[in-house]
Amino acid sequence: MNAPAWRIWLTVALMCGWGILGIRFAQKQDWAFVLMCVALFIVNGITLWRLTKNGK
């Protein structure tokens, strides 16, 4: 898939955001939100892999 650069950057930014939120929720021991953040991090990681697996 030949994805536009803005979509790849958006996915990377979302992964960073979910990772940061996951760490913050883990520090507060709010495990339900940690699981949600981890799930969304994984989904965005899969999306990023699909966007970049064939190269440009």
C-alpha atoms as a PDB file:
ATOM      1  CA  MET A   1       0.000   0.000   0.000  1.00  0.00           C
ATOM      2  CA  ASN A   2       1.378   3.375  -0.963  1.00  0.00           C
ATOM      3  CA  ALA A   3       0.193   5.405   2.017  1.00  0.00           C
ATOM      4  CA  PRO A   4       0.512   9.188   2.205  1.00  0.00           C
ATOM      5  CA  ALA A   5       3.181  10.456   4.596  1.00  0.00           C
ATOM      6  CA  TRP A   6       0.670  12.316   6.773  1.00  0.00           C
ATOM      7  CA  ARG A   7      -1.159   9.073   7.556  1.00  0.00           C
ATOM      8  CA  ILE A   8       2.024   7.321   8.632  1.00  0.00           C
ATOM      9  CA  TRP A   9       2.976  10.275  10.870  1.00  0.00           C
ATOM     10  CA  LEU A  10      -0.527  10.377  12.343  1.00  0.00           C
ATOM     11  CA  THR A  11      -0.354   6.681  13.189  1.00  0.00           C
ATOM     12  CA  VAL A  12       3.076   7.129  14.799  1.00  0.00           C
ATOM     13  CA  ALA A  13       1.788  10.085  16.834  1.00  0.00           C
ATOM     14  CA  LEU A  14      -1.214   8.053  17.994  1.00  0.00           C
ATOM     15  CA  MET A  15       1.068   5.204  19.061  1.00  0.00           C
ATOM     16  CA  CYS A  16       3.206   7.626  21.064  1.00  0.00           C
ATOM     17  CA  GLY A  17       0.102   9.090  22.677  1.00  0.00           C
ATOM     18  CA  TRP A  18      -1.337   5.705  23.642  1.00  0.00           C
ATOM     19  CA  GLY A  19       2.033   4.645  25.023  1.00  0.00           C
ATOM     20  CA  ILE A  20       2.338   7.775  27.165  1.00  0.00           C
ATOM     21  CA  LEU A  21      -1.239   7.453  28.404  1.00  0.00           C
ATOM     22  CA  GLY A  22      -0.680   3.785  29.161  1.00  0.00           C
ATOM     23  CA  ILE A  23       2.345   4.620  31.301  1.00  0.00           C
ATOM     24  CA  ARG A  24       0.435   7.342  33.137  1.00  0.00           C
ATOM     25  CA  PHE A  25      -2.491   5.031  33.854  1.00  0.00           C
ATOM     26  CA  ALA A  26      -0.092   2.287  34.984  1.00  0.00           C
ATOM     27  CA  GLN A  27       1.462   4.708  37.475  1.00  0.00           C
ATOM     28  CA  LYS A  28      -2.018   5.400  38.861  1.00  0.00           C
ATOM     29  CA  GLN A  29      -2.786   1.641  38.786  1.00  0.00           C
ATOM     30  CA  ASP A  30      -5.914   2.125  36.689  1.00  0.00           C
ATOM     31  CA  TRP A  31      -5.656  -1.247  34.978  1.00  0.00           C
ATOM     32  CA  ALA A  32      -8.802  -1.022  32.828  1.00  0.00           C
ATOM     33  CA  PHE A  33      -7.455   2.068  31.072  1.00  0.00           C
ATOM     34  CA  VAL A  34      -3.996   0.493  30.784  1.00  0.00           C
ATOM     35  CA  LEU A  35      -5.516  -2.465  28.933  1.00  0.00           C
ATOM     36  CA  MET A  36      -7.445  -0.113  26.665  1.00  0.00           C
ATOM     37  CA  CYS A  37      -4.286   1.862  25.863  1.00  0.00           C
ATOM     38  CA  VAL A  38      -2.308  -1.320  25.184  1.00  0.00           C
ATOM     39  CA  ALA A  39      -5.038  -2.620  22.878  1.00  0.00           C
ATOM     40  CA  LEU A  40      -5.164   0.645  20.918  1.00  0.00           C
ATOM     41  CA  PHE A  41      -1.350   0.753  20.787  1.00  0.00           C
ATOM     42  CA  ILE A  42      -1.319  -2.737  19.244  1.00  0.00           C
ATOM     43  CA  VAL A  43      -4.083  -1.870  16.760  1.00  0.00           C
ATOM     44  CA  ASN A  44      -2.184   1.234  15.653  1.00  0.00           C
ATOM     45  CA  GLY A  45       1.018  -0.808  15.405  1.00  0.00           C
ATOM     46  CA  ILE A  46      -0.705  -3.274  13.085  1.00  0.00           C
ATOM     47  CA  THR A  47      -2.057  -0.371  11.033  1.00  0.00           C
ATOM     48  CA  LEU A  48       1.437   1.124  10.771  1.00  0.00           C
ATOM     49  CA  TRP A  49       2.841  -2.231   9.687  1.00  0.00           C
ATOM     50  CA  ARG A  50       0.164  -2.543   6.998  1.00  0.00           C
ATOM     51  CA  LEU A  51       0.841   0.995   5.766  1.00  0.00           C
ATOM     52  CA  THR A  52       4.589   0.435   5.470  1.00  0.00           C
ATOM     53  CA  LYS A  53       5.032  -3.269   4.647  1.00  0.00           C
ATOM     54  CA  ASN A  54       5.372  -2.758   0.871  1.00  0.00           C
ATOM     55  CA  GLY A  55       7.558   0.347   1.026  1.00  0.00           C
ATOM     56  CA  LYS A  56       7.239   3.335  -1.237  1.00  0.00           C
END
